[in-house]
Amino acid sequence: MHSCKAGETLTEKDVLDYCDGKIARFKIPKYIQFMDEYPMTASGKIQKFKLRENAIHAFGLQGAVRKQPREGKNAGSWLPAFRFLLEQSPRHPFAHVENL
């Protein structure tokens, strides 16, 4: 965490101007928020989930929040997607196999 020297200020434009030409365009931040201090745990670690929640509310990103992971037998499994692909491809060598 960096802080400004006494009597100096830092703006969003300053940060964007500094990044321009120094890093790839896709790495330049879309959102910049200045904070006096980070939310910390009792052991001194930054609470990233609170930073994420604050950013979602501050920048109106409620629609960009990831969906919760699926639950159940096939949670995160590639098998349902594989079955779907087999059903869509009649020329696939295993398309006739039903119990995969």
C-alpha atoms as a PDB file:
ATOM      1  CA  MET A   1       0.000   0.000   0.000  1.00  0.00           C
ATOM      2  CA  HIS A   2       1.398   3.353  -1.019  1.00  0.00           C
ATOM      3  CA  SER A   3       0.470   6.711   0.390  1.00  0.00           C
ATOM      4  CA  CYS A   4       1.044  10.219  -0.896  1.00  0.00           C
ATOM      5  CA  LYS A   5       3.592  12.513   0.647  1.00  0.00           C
ATOM      6  CA  ALA A   6       2.375  15.453   2.696  1.00  0.00           C
ATOM      7  CA  GLY A   7       0.775  18.091   0.475  1.00  0.00           C
ATOM      8  CA  GLU A   8       0.518  15.808  -2.570  1.00  0.00           C
ATOM      9  CA  THR A   9      -2.599  14.367  -4.112  1.00  0.00           C
ATOM     10  CA  LEU A  10      -3.223  11.482  -6.443  1.00  0.00           C
ATOM     11  CA  THR A  11      -6.161  11.283  -8.828  1.00  0.00           C
ATOM     12  CA  GLU A  12      -7.616   8.518 -10.981  1.00  0.00           C
ATOM     13  CA  LYS A  13      -6.282  10.333 -14.048  1.00  0.00           C
ATOM     14  CA  ASP A  14      -2.761  10.307 -12.568  1.00  0.00           C
ATOM     15  CA  VAL A  15      -2.916   6.528 -12.123  1.00  0.00           C
ATOM     16  CA  LEU A  16      -4.275   5.947 -15.639  1.00  0.00           C
ATOM     17  CA  ASP A  17      -1.714   8.293 -17.196  1.00  0.00           C
ATOM     18  CA  TYR A  18       1.096   6.516 -15.346  1.00  0.00           C
ATOM     19  CA  CYS A  19      -0.095   3.089 -16.554  1.00  0.00           C
ATOM     20  CA  ASP A  20      -0.543   4.170 -20.177  1.00  0.00           C
ATOM     21  CA  GLY A  21       2.455   3.040 -22.176  1.00  0.00           C
ATOM     22  CA  LYS A  22       4.026   1.135 -19.269  1.00  0.00           C
ATOM     23  CA  ILE A  23       1.727  -1.900 -19.156  1.00  0.00           C
ATOM     24  CA  ALA A  24      -0.539  -3.656 -21.641  1.00  0.00           C
ATOM     25  CA  ARG A  25      -3.892  -1.912 -22.219  1.00  0.00           C
ATOM     26  CA  PHE A  26      -5.899  -4.875 -20.939  1.00  0.00           C
ATOM     27  CA  LYS A  27      -4.033  -4.639 -17.613  1.00  0.00           C
ATOM     28  CA  ILE A  28      -4.910  -0.987 -17.039  1.00  0.00           C
ATOM     29  CA  PRO A  29      -7.556  -0.872 -14.294  1.00  0.00           C
ATOM     30  CA  LYS A  30     -11.124   0.001 -15.280  1.00  0.00           C
ATOM     31  CA  TYR A  31     -12.040   1.033 -11.758  1.00  0.00           C
ATOM     32  CA  ILE A  32      -9.902   2.888  -9.242  1.00  0.00           C
ATOM     33  CA  GLN A  33     -10.863   3.457  -5.638  1.00  0.00           C
ATOM     34  CA  PHE A  34      -8.759   5.231  -3.048  1.00  0.00           C
ATOM     35  CA  MET A  35      -8.927   3.988   0.538  1.00  0.00           C
ATOM     36  CA  ASP A  36      -7.433   5.215   3.765  1.00  0.00           C
ATOM     37  CA  GLU A  37      -7.014   1.668   5.069  1.00  0.00           C
ATOM     38  CA  TYR A  38      -7.833  -1.877   4.051  1.00  0.00           C
ATOM     39  CA  PRO A  39     -10.316  -4.058   5.942  1.00  0.00           C
ATOM     40  CA  MET A  40      -8.140  -6.396   7.972  1.00  0.00           C
ATOM     41  CA  THR A  41      -8.578  -9.588   9.963  1.00  0.00           C
ATOM     42  CA  ALA A  42      -7.442  -9.845  13.568  1.00  0.00           C
ATOM     43  CA  SER A  43      -4.236 -11.494  12.351  1.00  0.00           C
ATOM     44  CA  GLY A  44      -3.469  -8.605   9.965  1.00  0.00           C
ATOM     45  CA  LYS A  45      -4.520 -10.104   6.637  1.00  0.00           C
ATOM     46  CA  ILE A  46      -6.476  -8.088   4.080  1.00  0.00           C
ATOM     47  CA  GLN A  47     -10.105  -9.197   3.829  1.00  0.00           C
ATOM     48  CA  LYS A  48     -10.346  -9.476   0.050  1.00  0.00           C
ATOM     49  CA  PHE A  49     -13.985 -10.526   0.137  1.00  0.00           C
ATOM     50  CA  LYS A  50     -14.850  -7.203   1.784  1.00  0.00           C
ATOM     51  CA  LEU A  51     -12.873  -5.309  -0.853  1.00  0.00           C
ATOM     52  CA  ARG A  52     -14.825  -7.204  -3.512  1.00  0.00           C
ATOM     53  CA  GLU A  53     -18.182  -6.429  -1.843  1.00  0.00           C
ATOM     54  CA  ASN A  54     -17.277  -2.736  -1.512  1.00  0.00           C
ATOM     55  CA  ALA A  55     -16.248  -2.529  -5.177  1.00  0.00           C
ATOM     56  CA  ILE A  56     -19.466  -4.230  -6.328  1.00  0.00           C
ATOM     57  CA  HIS A  57     -21.545  -1.648  -4.497  1.00  0.00           C
ATOM     58  CA  ALA A  58     -19.336   1.375  -5.242  1.00  0.00           C
ATOM     59  CA  PHE A  59     -19.158   0.763  -8.997  1.00  0.00           C
ATOM     60  CA  GLY A  60     -22.623  -0.750  -9.511  1.00  0.00           C
ATOM     61  CA  LEU A  61     -21.352  -4.143 -10.614  1.00  0.00           C
ATOM     62  CA  GLN A  62     -24.179  -6.284  -9.221  1.00  0.00           C
ATOM     63  CA  GLY A  63     -24.788  -7.820 -12.668  1.00  0.00           C
ATOM     64  CA  ALA A  64     -21.143  -8.856 -12.985  1.00  0.00           C
ATOM     65  CA  VAL A  65     -21.130 -11.069  -9.902  1.00  0.00           C
ATOM     66  CA  ARG A  66     -20.355 -14.726 -10.607  1.00  0.00           C
ATOM     67  CA  LYS A  67     -23.095 -17.252 -10.008  1.00  0.00           C
ATOM     68  CA  GLN A  68     -22.670 -19.602  -7.090  1.00  0.00           C
ATOM     69  CA  PRO A  69     -21.099 -22.955  -7.967  1.00  0.00           C
ATOM     70  CA  ARG A  70     -23.477 -25.782  -8.734  1.00  0.00           C
ATOM     71  CA  GLU A  71     -24.231 -28.336  -6.077  1.00  0.00           C
ATOM     72  CA  GLY A  72     -24.986 -32.007  -6.386  1.00  0.00           C
ATOM     73  CA  LYS A  73     -23.583 -35.106  -7.980  1.00  0.00           C
ATOM     74  CA  ASN A  74     -22.247 -33.468 -11.156  1.00  0.00           C
ATOM     75  CA  ALA A  75     -21.102 -30.158  -9.656  1.00  0.00           C
ATOM     76  CA  GLY A  76     -18.192 -28.879 -11.709  1.00  0.00           C
ATOM     77  CA  SER A  77     -18.082 -32.073 -13.708  1.00  0.00           C
ATOM     78  CA  TRP A  78     -17.183 -32.149 -17.397  1.00  0.00           C
ATOM     79  CA  LEU A  79     -19.390 -35.196 -17.954  1.00  0.00           C
ATOM     80  CA  PRO A  80     -22.733 -33.392 -18.623  1.00  0.00           C
ATOM     81  CA  ALA A  81     -21.032 -31.147 -21.190  1.00  0.00           C
ATOM     82  CA  PHE A  82     -19.381 -34.180 -22.806  1.00  0.00           C
ATOM     83  CA  ARG A  83     -22.734 -35.961 -23.060  1.00  0.00           C
ATOM     84  CA  PHE A  84     -24.271 -32.880 -24.636  1.00  0.00           C
ATOM     85  CA  LEU A  85     -21.515 -32.737 -27.242  1.00  0.00           C
ATOM     86  CA  LEU A  86     -21.990 -36.406 -28.059  1.00  0.00           C
ATOM     87  CA  GLU A  87     -25.698 -35.892 -28.557  1.00  0.00           C
ATOM     88  CA  GLN A  88     -24.999 -33.029 -30.955  1.00  0.00           C
ATOM     89  CA  SER A  89     -22.472 -34.942 -33.058  1.00  0.00           C
ATOM     90  CA  PRO A  90     -23.960 -38.023 -34.751  1.00  0.00           C
ATOM     91  CA  ARG A  91     -20.669 -38.733 -36.562  1.00  0.00           C
ATOM     92  CA  HIS A  92     -18.735 -39.048 -33.299  1.00  0.00           C
ATOM     93  CA  PRO A  93     -17.439 -42.625 -32.872  1.00  0.00           C
ATOM     94  CA  PHE A  94     -19.138 -42.953 -29.463  1.00  0.00           C
ATOM     95  CA  ALA A  95     -22.423 -41.292 -30.414  1.00  0.00           C
ATOM     96  CA  HIS A  96     -24.240 -44.620 -30.311  1.00  0.00           C
ATOM     97  CA  VAL A  97     -23.023 -45.415 -26.753  1.00  0.00           C
ATOM     98  CA  GLU A  98     -25.699 -44.476 -24.205  1.00  0.00           C
ATOM     99  CA  ASN A  99     -24.120 -45.315 -20.844  1.00  0.00           C
ATOM    100  CA  LEU A 100     -21.138 -42.999 -20.552  1.00  0.00           C
END
